[in-house]
């Protein structure tokens, strides 16, 4: 167990409010929850997540990842997850920092260290990975956090602080995962291209031939590697995107279930209701009513889909 008391103090002071909080460092967001949260479907984008207090559980397909102050989580590609904070209280809230990963900067750092090894034949890393925290990574994260006290230093020093964190990741136990994120020809990068197309065109039918061409793979390789990374098929990935977007439309815009289903690409209202109920446990209209009542009552984290908060 590494000693993260200094980092804990820094995150505590910079994340005084509940929920997700932006910072003066664009890539950095902080999270605070003073009680366990309900399971929430969300999209976990590529990021480093460091829990400094409390515990969180994230499910991707059939796999469950639990991370605490002893571990960090790397999301190597955007994946739909079911996440919940399992340990938090008013006196000891769940606290986390999330640093968005920039594959361009990672690639530059790889090139600076010499010609990159050929990763085109390596099996892709999973969309989520857990690594053990180290004193060096904690110190690097603390140096980045301290920059929030001197905003004038952020433009010049934040990129250097982030590169130090990347260096610790590239030389740590998940180095291979980070190398694949940084390498344009890696299987992980190819799957990421396919997943990005689905996210940007989730209302359109998925044509496997087209998706395989975008990824630069054969159809069989796409199915194999896409499932290895995301623990779901491209069609299941699209379904998650559609249902999460539909849920947001139901809550934010107050439209009816048939219209929400149509807007996200469903041609059958019956199919939409069936798949929505299977994912969220209630038909669309009843689920939306429940979530709106929870929001009106001021209950935090009602399970509404969004971007995972670390």
Protein backbone atom coordinates (compact mmCIF):
# COMPACT_ATOMS: atom_id res chain seq x y z
CA UNK A 1 0.00 0.00 0.00
CA UNK A 2 1.51 3.29 -1.07
CA UNK A 3 1.23 6.41 1.04
CA UNK A 4 -1.05 8.85 -0.74
CA UNK A 5 -1.90 11.14 2.20
CA UNK A 6 -0.47 14.23 0.49
CA UNK A 7 -2.37 13.54 -2.73
CA UNK A 8 -5.51 12.91 -0.67
CA UNK A 9 -5.16 16.32 1.01
CA UNK A 10 -4.75 18.01 -2.37
CA UNK A 11 -7.79 16.37 -3.96
CA UNK A 12 -9.88 16.99 -0.82
CA UNK A 13 -9.15 20.70 -0.92
CA UNK A 14 -9.71 21.04 -4.68
CA UNK A 15 -12.94 19.00 -4.86
CA UNK A 16 -15.22 20.53 -2.20
CA UNK A 17 -18.52 19.93 -4.02
CA UNK A 18 -20.40 16.76 -4.87
CA UNK A 19 -19.97 15.12 -8.24
CA UNK A 20 -17.71 15.88 -11.16
CA UNK A 21 -15.65 19.08 -11.04
CA UNK A 22 -13.56 20.63 -13.81
CA UNK A 23 -10.23 22.27 -13.07
CA UNK A 24 -7.95 24.89 -14.62
CA UNK A 25 -6.03 22.00 -16.20
CA UNK A 26 -8.27 21.05 -19.11
CA UNK A 27 -7.39 17.34 -19.08
CA UNK A 28 -7.98 17.00 -15.33
CA UNK A 29 -11.30 16.52 -13.57
CA UNK A 30 -11.98 15.68 -9.93
CA UNK A 31 -14.78 13.63 -8.39
CA UNK A 32 -16.35 13.62 -4.94
CA UNK A 33 -19.21 11.47 -3.61
CA UNK A 34 -20.23 11.53 0.05
CA UNK A 35 -22.22 8.30 -0.14
CA UNK A 36 -22.33 5.18 -2.29
CA UNK A 37 -24.01 5.72 -5.65
CA UNK A 38 -26.58 3.75 -7.58
CA UNK A 39 -25.28 1.70 -10.52
CA UNK A 40 -25.10 4.00 -13.54
CA UNK A 41 -24.65 3.21 -17.22
CA UNK A 42 -22.11 5.57 -18.73
CA UNK A 43 -19.42 5.93 -21.36
CA UNK A 44 -15.91 5.60 -19.96
CA UNK A 45 -13.59 7.56 -22.26
CA UNK A 46 -9.82 6.98 -22.46
CA UNK A 47 -8.39 8.20 -19.18
CA UNK A 48 -6.28 7.51 -16.13
CA UNK A 49 -8.43 7.30 -12.99
CA UNK A 50 -6.79 7.45 -9.56
CA UNK A 51 -8.94 6.87 -6.48
CA UNK A 52 -7.40 8.57 -3.45
CA UNK A 53 -10.18 7.60 -1.01
CA UNK A 54 -13.06 5.15 -1.12
CA UNK A 55 -13.82 2.36 -3.55
CA UNK A 56 -15.46 2.03 -6.97
CA UNK A 57 -16.72 -0.90 -9.01
CA UNK A 58 -16.93 -0.83 -12.80
CA UNK A 59 -18.46 -3.58 -14.93
CA UNK A 60 -17.55 -4.04 -18.59
CA UNK A 61 -19.41 -6.93 -20.15
CA UNK A 62 -18.94 -9.92 -17.86
CA UNK A 63 -15.84 -8.50 -16.16
CA UNK A 64 -15.85 -6.43 -12.97
CA UNK A 65 -13.04 -4.07 -11.98
CA UNK A 66 -12.65 -2.77 -8.43
CA UNK A 67 -10.23 0.03 -7.70
CA UNK A 68 -9.13 1.68 -4.49
CA UNK A 69 -6.23 3.93 -3.43
CA UNK A 70 -3.95 0.93 -4.01
CA UNK A 71 -4.76 0.86 -7.72
CA UNK A 72 -5.30 3.02 -10.76
CA UNK A 73 -7.54 2.32 -13.73
CA UNK A 74 -6.65 2.87 -17.38
CA UNK A 75 -9.47 3.11 -19.90
CA UNK A 76 -7.70 2.53 -23.21
CA UNK A 77 -10.73 3.03 -25.47
CA UNK A 78 -14.21 4.50 -24.99
CA UNK A 79 -16.40 1.72 -23.59
CA UNK A 80 -19.94 1.58 -22.14
CA UNK A 81 -19.75 0.55 -18.48
CA UNK A 82 -21.97 0.06 -15.46
CA UNK A 83 -20.29 1.82 -12.55
CA UNK A 84 -21.00 2.60 -8.91
CA UNK A 85 -19.16 3.97 -5.91
CA UNK A 86 -19.29 1.28 -3.25
CA UNK A 87 -17.45 2.94 -0.36
CA UNK A 88 -18.04 6.58 0.62
CA UNK A 89 -19.31 8.59 3.57
CA UNK A 90 -19.62 12.20 4.69
CA UNK A 91 -16.52 11.91 6.86
CA UNK A 92 -14.56 9.91 4.25
CA UNK A 93 -15.97 10.71 0.81
CA UNK A 94 -15.03 8.93 -2.36
CA UNK A 95 -12.39 11.07 -4.07
CA UNK A 96 -10.89 10.52 -7.48
CA UNK A 97 -8.89 12.36 -10.11
CA UNK A 98 -9.36 11.61 -13.78
CA UNK A 99 -6.78 12.57 -16.39
CA UNK A 100 -7.84 12.29 -20.02
CA UNK A 101 -5.31 10.38 -22.11
CA UNK A 102 -3.91 12.08 -25.21
CA UNK A 103 -2.68 9.43 -27.70
CA UNK A 104 -0.77 12.07 -29.68
CA UNK A 105 1.37 13.06 -26.69
CA UNK A 106 1.84 9.40 -25.77
CA UNK A 107 2.98 8.69 -29.33
CA UNK A 108 5.46 11.58 -29.22
CA UNK A 109 6.91 10.24 -25.98
CA UNK A 110 7.24 6.77 -27.51
CA UNK A 111 9.11 8.19 -30.50
CA UNK A 112 11.44 10.16 -28.22
CA UNK A 113 12.49 6.91 -26.54
CA UNK A 114 13.54 5.33 -29.83
CA UNK A 115 11.88 3.50 -32.75
CA UNK A 116 8.69 1.83 -31.49
CA UNK A 117 8.42 -1.93 -31.61
CA UNK A 118 5.96 -3.44 -34.09
CA UNK A 119 2.69 -4.05 -32.21
CA UNK A 120 0.52 -4.88 -35.21
CA UNK A 121 0.41 -8.60 -34.37
CA UNK A 122 -0.03 -8.22 -30.62
CA UNK A 123 -3.43 -9.10 -29.18
CA UNK A 124 -5.17 -5.86 -28.17
CA UNK A 125 -5.31 -4.72 -24.58
CA UNK A 126 -8.65 -4.76 -22.80
CA UNK A 127 -10.71 -1.58 -22.76
CA UNK A 128 -10.19 -1.38 -18.99
CA UNK A 129 -7.10 -2.34 -17.01
CA UNK A 130 -6.12 -2.06 -13.34
CA UNK A 131 -2.56 -1.30 -12.24
CA UNK A 132 -0.88 -1.04 -8.85
CA UNK A 133 -0.15 2.48 -7.60
CA UNK A 134 3.49 3.39 -7.05
CA UNK A 135 5.14 6.17 -5.01
CA UNK A 136 6.49 7.65 -8.26
CA UNK A 137 3.04 7.88 -9.84
CA UNK A 138 1.56 9.37 -6.67
CA UNK A 139 4.33 12.00 -6.54
CA UNK A 140 3.80 12.91 -10.19
CA UNK A 141 0.03 13.25 -9.68
CA UNK A 142 0.62 15.41 -6.59
CA UNK A 143 2.91 17.74 -8.55
CA UNK A 144 0.18 18.19 -11.16
CA UNK A 145 -2.42 18.87 -8.46
CA UNK A 146 -0.22 21.51 -6.79
CA UNK A 147 -0.26 23.52 -10.02
CA UNK A 148 -3.91 24.34 -9.29
CA UNK A 149 -2.62 26.65 -6.54
CA UNK A 150 -0.61 28.69 -9.06
CA UNK A 151 -2.80 29.19 -12.13
CA UNK A 152 -0.18 31.36 -13.86
CA UNK A 153 2.14 28.33 -13.99
CA UNK A 154 -0.38 25.98 -15.59
CA UNK A 155 0.14 26.85 -19.29
CA UNK A 156 3.90 26.26 -19.02
CA UNK A 157 4.12 23.49 -16.44
CA UNK A 158 0.94 21.41 -16.76
CA UNK A 159 2.07 19.76 -20.04
CA UNK A 160 5.33 18.78 -18.33
CA UNK A 161 3.49 17.41 -15.29
CA UNK A 162 1.20 15.37 -17.52
CA UNK A 163 4.17 14.01 -19.47
CA UNK A 164 5.75 12.90 -16.20
CA UNK A 165 2.58 10.97 -15.38
CA UNK A 166 2.60 9.44 -18.85
CA UNK A 167 6.24 8.45 -18.36
CA UNK A 168 5.36 6.64 -15.13
CA UNK A 169 2.55 4.82 -16.94
CA UNK A 170 4.75 3.94 -19.91
CA UNK A 171 7.33 2.42 -17.56
CA UNK A 172 4.82 0.76 -15.22
CA UNK A 173 2.92 -2.52 -15.16
CA UNK A 174 0.45 -1.37 -17.84
CA UNK A 175 3.17 -0.13 -20.19
CA UNK A 176 2.02 -2.42 -23.01
CA UNK A 177 -1.52 -1.02 -22.82
CA UNK A 178 -0.23 2.56 -23.04
CA UNK A 179 2.06 1.67 -25.94
CA UNK A 180 -0.91 0.25 -27.84
CA UNK A 181 -2.92 3.42 -27.16
CA UNK A 182 -0.04 5.41 -28.64
CA UNK A 183 0.54 3.23 -31.71
CA UNK A 184 -1.55 3.92 -34.80
CA UNK A 185 -1.06 0.42 -36.22
CA UNK A 186 -1.92 -1.52 -33.07
CA UNK A 187 -4.96 -3.77 -32.86
CA UNK A 188 -6.26 -1.60 -30.02
CA UNK A 189 -6.03 1.51 -32.19
CA UNK A 190 -7.85 -0.26 -35.02
CA UNK A 191 -10.68 -1.29 -32.69
CA UNK A 192 -10.78 2.27 -31.34
CA UNK A 193 -11.37 3.59 -34.88
CA UNK A 194 -14.28 1.20 -35.36
CA UNK A 195 -15.78 2.10 -31.97
CA UNK A 196 -15.45 5.82 -32.73
CA UNK A 197 -17.35 5.36 -35.99
CA UNK A 198 -20.18 3.60 -34.16
CA UNK A 199 -20.37 6.37 -31.54
CA UNK A 200 -20.48 9.07 -34.21
CA UNK A 201 -23.04 7.23 -36.36
CA UNK A 202 -25.02 5.26 -33.78
CA UNK A 203 -28.35 6.02 -35.50
CA UNK A 204 -27.21 4.29 -38.69
CA UNK A 205 -27.24 0.53 -39.32
CA UNK A 206 -23.89 -1.12 -38.66
CA UNK A 207 -22.50 -2.74 -41.80
CA UNK A 208 -19.70 -5.05 -40.75
CA UNK A 209 -17.94 -4.81 -44.12
CA UNK A 210 -17.73 -1.02 -43.83
CA UNK A 211 -16.68 -1.18 -40.19
CA UNK A 212 -13.95 -3.70 -40.98
CA UNK A 213 -12.67 -1.39 -43.74
CA UNK A 214 -12.57 1.56 -41.32
CA UNK A 215 -10.66 -0.54 -38.80
CA UNK A 216 -8.31 -1.96 -41.41
CA UNK A 217 -9.17 -5.55 -40.49
CA UNK A 218 -10.92 -8.53 -41.95
CA UNK A 219 -14.48 -9.19 -40.76
CA UNK A 220 -13.37 -12.13 -38.62
CA UNK A 221 -10.49 -10.16 -37.08
CA UNK A 222 -12.82 -7.23 -36.31
CA UNK A 223 -15.29 -9.46 -34.47
CA UNK A 224 -12.51 -11.18 -32.55
CA UNK A 225 -10.56 -8.10 -31.50
CA UNK A 226 -13.57 -5.83 -30.95
CA UNK A 227 -14.98 -8.30 -28.44
CA UNK A 228 -11.56 -8.77 -26.83
CA UNK A 229 -11.31 -5.02 -26.16
CA UNK A 230 -14.91 -4.08 -25.36
CA UNK A 231 -16.35 -7.47 -24.24
CA UNK A 232 -19.20 -6.96 -26.70
CA UNK A 233 -19.84 -7.22 -30.42
CA UNK A 234 -20.08 -4.10 -32.61
CA UNK A 235 -23.88 -4.48 -32.66
CA UNK A 236 -24.03 -4.75 -28.86
CA UNK A 237 -21.79 -1.69 -28.61
CA UNK A 238 -24.15 0.23 -30.89
CA UNK A 239 -27.13 -0.88 -28.80
CA UNK A 240 -25.49 0.48 -25.65
CA UNK A 241 -24.83 3.81 -27.39
CA UNK A 242 -28.41 4.04 -28.63
CA UNK A 243 -30.01 3.20 -25.31
CA UNK A 244 -27.80 5.58 -23.32
CA UNK A 245 -28.60 8.40 -25.75
CA UNK A 246 -32.31 7.56 -25.65
CA UNK A 247 -32.30 7.70 -21.86
CA UNK A 248 -30.74 11.16 -21.93
CA UNK A 249 -33.35 12.33 -24.45
CA UNK A 250 -36.18 11.03 -22.27
CA UNK A 251 -34.92 12.94 -19.24
CA UNK A 252 -33.49 16.11 -20.76
CA UNK A 253 -36.06 16.73 -23.51
CA UNK A 254 -39.10 15.05 -21.97
CA UNK A 255 -40.07 13.37 -25.24
CA UNK A 256 -42.11 10.18 -25.36
CA UNK A 257 -40.60 6.74 -25.68
CA UNK A 258 -41.52 6.18 -29.32
CA UNK A 259 -39.88 9.45 -30.38
CA UNK A 260 -36.77 8.74 -28.31
CA UNK A 261 -36.39 5.33 -29.90
CA UNK A 262 -36.86 6.75 -33.39
CA UNK A 263 -34.27 9.50 -32.82
CA UNK A 264 -31.56 7.02 -31.82
CA UNK A 265 -32.16 4.71 -34.78
CA UNK A 266 -34.88 2.22 -33.79
CA UNK A 267 -37.54 1.53 -36.40
CA UNK A 268 -39.63 -0.63 -34.05
CA UNK A 269 -41.08 0.91 -30.88
CA UNK A 270 -41.68 -2.58 -29.50
CA UNK A 271 -38.04 -3.59 -29.97
CA UNK A 272 -36.87 -0.32 -28.40
CA UNK A 273 -39.08 -0.79 -25.33
CA UNK A 274 -37.99 -4.42 -24.96
CA UNK A 275 -34.26 -3.66 -25.18
CA UNK A 276 -34.56 -0.55 -22.98
CA UNK A 277 -36.40 -2.52 -20.29
CA UNK A 278 -33.79 -5.28 -20.40
CA UNK A 279 -30.95 -2.80 -19.89
CA UNK A 280 -32.51 -0.44 -17.33
CA UNK A 281 -35.05 -2.68 -15.57
CA UNK A 282 -38.10 -0.57 -16.42
CA UNK A 283 -39.95 0.49 -19.59
CA UNK A 284 -38.77 3.88 -20.94
CA UNK A 285 -41.65 6.02 -19.68
CA UNK A 286 -41.61 4.58 -16.16
CA UNK A 287 -37.82 4.77 -15.95
CA UNK A 288 -37.84 8.42 -17.05
CA UNK A 289 -40.52 9.27 -14.51
CA UNK A 290 -38.51 7.58 -11.75
CA UNK A 291 -35.30 9.42 -12.65
CA UNK A 292 -37.03 12.80 -12.86
CA UNK A 293 -38.59 12.27 -9.42
CA UNK A 294 -35.16 11.41 -7.98
CA UNK A 295 -33.66 14.53 -9.53
CA UNK A 296 -36.53 16.66 -8.19
CA UNK A 297 -35.94 15.19 -4.73
CA UNK A 298 -32.29 16.22 -4.99
CA UNK A 299 -30.92 12.70 -4.84
CA UNK A 300 -27.47 12.63 -6.39
CA UNK A 301 -26.53 10.05 -9.01
CA UNK A 302 -29.88 8.74 -10.08
CA UNK A 303 -28.29 6.39 -12.57
CA UNK A 304 -28.64 8.67 -15.60
CA UNK A 305 -26.35 7.79 -18.48
CA UNK A 306 -23.46 10.10 -19.18
CA UNK A 307 -19.68 10.21 -19.30
CA UNK A 308 -18.16 8.13 -16.52
CA UNK A 309 -16.78 10.38 -13.80
CA UNK A 310 -13.75 8.36 -12.73
